[in-house]
């Protein structure tokens, strides 16, 4: 039930208390807590730029692969 908006030119999901983070593997998206909407433009842009770097680096895929490795490790 997160609402969608744009922050610093990027589409984001706004939560009450989750984030800033990137969530999802197949369709990752940036999630920011509501308080980030009150930040100065430069600060909001920095938050979004940081999360965009996680998307660019495909960090959600890396975390999913690591979780898969941990899950099969006992075998």
Protein backbone atom coordinates (compact mmCIF):
# COMPACT_ATOMS: atom_id res chain seq x y z
CA UNK A 1 0.00 0.00 0.00
CA UNK A 2 2.79 2.48 -0.68
CA UNK A 3 1.84 5.54 -2.68
CA UNK A 4 3.86 6.37 -5.77
CA UNK A 5 5.30 9.79 -6.56
CA UNK A 6 8.40 11.38 -8.02
CA UNK A 7 11.32 12.62 -5.94
CA UNK A 8 14.27 14.39 -7.53
CA UNK A 9 12.97 13.33 -10.93
CA UNK A 10 12.76 9.62 -10.12
CA UNK A 11 9.73 7.45 -9.49
CA UNK A 12 9.63 6.34 -5.85
CA UNK A 13 7.28 4.54 -3.49
CA UNK A 14 6.63 6.38 -0.24
CA UNK A 15 6.29 4.41 2.98
CA UNK A 16 5.67 5.44 6.57
CA UNK A 17 8.93 4.07 7.94
CA UNK A 18 10.72 1.84 5.39
CA UNK A 19 13.77 2.99 3.51
CA UNK A 20 15.46 4.62 1.87
CA UNK A 21 16.03 1.35 0.07
CA UNK A 22 15.63 -0.57 -3.15
CA UNK A 23 13.10 -3.40 -2.92
CA UNK A 24 12.18 -6.14 -5.33
CA UNK A 25 14.14 -8.39 -7.65
CA UNK A 26 12.12 -8.71 -10.83
CA UNK A 27 10.86 -5.12 -10.73
CA UNK A 28 13.05 -3.29 -8.23
CA UNK A 29 11.95 0.14 -7.08
CA UNK A 30 13.17 2.86 -4.79
CA UNK A 31 11.27 3.17 -1.50
CA UNK A 32 11.66 6.23 0.69
CA UNK A 33 10.13 7.07 4.05
CA UNK A 34 7.67 9.97 4.08
CA UNK A 35 10.12 12.29 5.85
CA UNK A 36 12.37 12.36 2.77
CA UNK A 37 9.70 14.38 0.96
CA UNK A 38 10.45 17.22 3.40
CA UNK A 39 14.19 17.30 2.62
CA UNK A 40 15.83 20.14 0.74
CA UNK A 41 16.02 19.47 -3.00
CA UNK A 42 19.78 18.80 -2.92
CA UNK A 43 19.44 16.34 -0.04
CA UNK A 44 16.54 14.51 -1.69
CA UNK A 45 18.55 14.30 -4.92
CA UNK A 46 21.44 12.75 -2.99
CA UNK A 47 19.16 10.10 -1.45
CA UNK A 48 17.71 9.24 -4.86
CA UNK A 49 21.14 9.18 -6.52
CA UNK A 50 22.40 6.76 -3.88
CA UNK A 51 19.46 4.41 -4.38
CA UNK A 52 19.78 4.66 -8.17
CA UNK A 53 23.37 3.43 -7.81
CA UNK A 54 22.04 0.34 -6.04
CA UNK A 55 19.73 -0.22 -9.01
CA UNK A 56 22.54 0.35 -11.50
CA UNK A 57 24.80 -2.10 -9.67
CA UNK A 58 21.95 -4.65 -9.61
CA UNK A 59 22.27 -5.03 -5.87
CA UNK A 60 18.83 -6.67 -5.48
CA UNK A 61 20.03 -9.52 -7.73
CA UNK A 62 23.25 -9.84 -5.74
CA UNK A 63 21.32 -10.07 -2.47
CA UNK A 64 18.94 -12.65 -3.95
CA UNK A 65 21.90 -14.74 -5.16
CA UNK A 66 23.53 -14.53 -1.73
CA UNK A 67 20.30 -15.63 -0.07
CA UNK A 68 20.06 -18.54 -2.49
CA UNK A 69 23.63 -19.58 -1.69
CA UNK A 70 22.93 -19.49 2.04
CA UNK A 71 19.76 -21.52 1.52
CA UNK A 72 21.57 -24.35 -0.31
CA UNK A 73 24.74 -24.24 1.83
CA UNK A 74 23.61 -26.96 4.26
CA UNK A 75 23.34 -29.41 1.37
